[in-house]
């Protein structure tokens, strides 16, 4: 299975017309990259979609405001 770079997920978020809830983002990621998709960044490898979202939140790459990812 090929690993997907996290920037592809950031691009997916940017392409959305409105902010997504975490479950909706996870569903969009599953639809776009496959239910078993694994992700990496320059510093971390072999993450699930949930782990990638948590990493991006910790690093300030995305925000969760009123339960919506933006």
Protein backbone atom coordinates (compact mmCIF):
# COMPACT_ATOMS: atom_id res chain seq x y z
CA UNK A 1 0.00 0.00 0.00
CA UNK A 2 1.31 3.40 -0.97
CA UNK A 3 1.58 6.10 1.70
CA UNK A 4 -0.15 9.43 1.02
CA UNK A 5 1.60 12.68 1.90
CA UNK A 6 -0.24 14.84 4.40
CA UNK A 7 -0.20 17.83 2.05
CA UNK A 8 -2.74 15.96 -0.08
CA UNK A 9 -5.11 16.04 2.88
CA UNK A 10 -4.46 19.75 3.43
CA UNK A 11 -5.32 20.30 -0.25
CA UNK A 12 -8.50 18.25 0.19
CA UNK A 13 -9.51 20.45 3.13
CA UNK A 14 -8.81 23.63 1.13
CA UNK A 15 -10.94 22.36 -1.77
CA UNK A 16 -14.03 22.06 0.41
CA UNK A 17 -16.67 24.76 0.02
CA UNK A 18 -17.24 24.83 3.78
CA UNK A 19 -15.57 23.62 6.95
CA UNK A 20 -16.10 19.94 7.79
CA UNK A 21 -16.75 18.15 11.04
CA UNK A 22 -14.10 15.61 11.98
CA UNK A 23 -16.35 12.65 11.00
CA UNK A 24 -17.10 14.31 7.65
CA UNK A 25 -13.39 14.93 7.05
CA UNK A 26 -12.58 11.32 7.89
CA UNK A 27 -15.28 10.21 5.43
CA UNK A 28 -13.90 12.53 2.72
CA UNK A 29 -10.39 11.18 3.32
CA UNK A 30 -11.66 7.60 3.11
CA UNK A 31 -13.49 8.37 -0.12
CA UNK A 32 -10.51 10.18 -1.67
CA UNK A 33 -7.64 7.98 -0.45
CA UNK A 34 -9.27 4.66 0.50
CA UNK A 35 -10.54 3.32 3.80
CA UNK A 36 -7.16 1.77 4.63
CA UNK A 37 -5.10 4.78 3.53
CA UNK A 38 -1.88 5.42 5.44
CA UNK A 39 -0.31 8.85 5.62
CA UNK A 40 3.06 10.46 6.16
CA UNK A 41 4.62 13.88 6.55
CA UNK A 42 8.25 14.89 6.37
CA UNK A 43 8.68 13.97 10.05
CA UNK A 44 6.18 11.14 10.74
CA UNK A 45 5.34 7.97 8.81
CA UNK A 46 2.64 5.31 8.79
CA UNK A 47 -0.26 7.28 10.31
CA UNK A 48 -3.96 6.60 10.17
CA UNK A 49 -6.26 9.40 9.03
CA UNK A 50 -7.19 10.14 12.66
CA UNK A 51 -3.52 10.32 13.69
CA UNK A 52 -2.78 12.69 10.80
CA UNK A 53 -5.63 15.01 11.78
CA UNK A 54 -4.39 15.05 15.39
CA UNK A 55 -0.85 15.84 14.22
CA UNK A 56 -2.07 18.70 12.03
CA UNK A 57 -4.11 20.10 14.92
CA UNK A 58 -1.09 19.90 17.26
CA UNK A 59 1.17 21.59 14.68
CA UNK A 60 -1.37 24.33 13.93
CA UNK A 61 -1.74 23.31 10.27
CA UNK A 62 -5.51 23.12 10.76
CA UNK A 63 -7.92 24.36 13.44
CA UNK A 64 -11.03 22.88 14.95
CA UNK A 65 -13.52 25.65 15.77
CA UNK A 66 -17.07 24.86 16.86
CA UNK A 67 -16.38 21.20 15.96
CA UNK A 68 -15.45 22.15 12.38
CA UNK A 69 -12.06 21.65 10.76
CA UNK A 70 -10.70 24.64 8.87
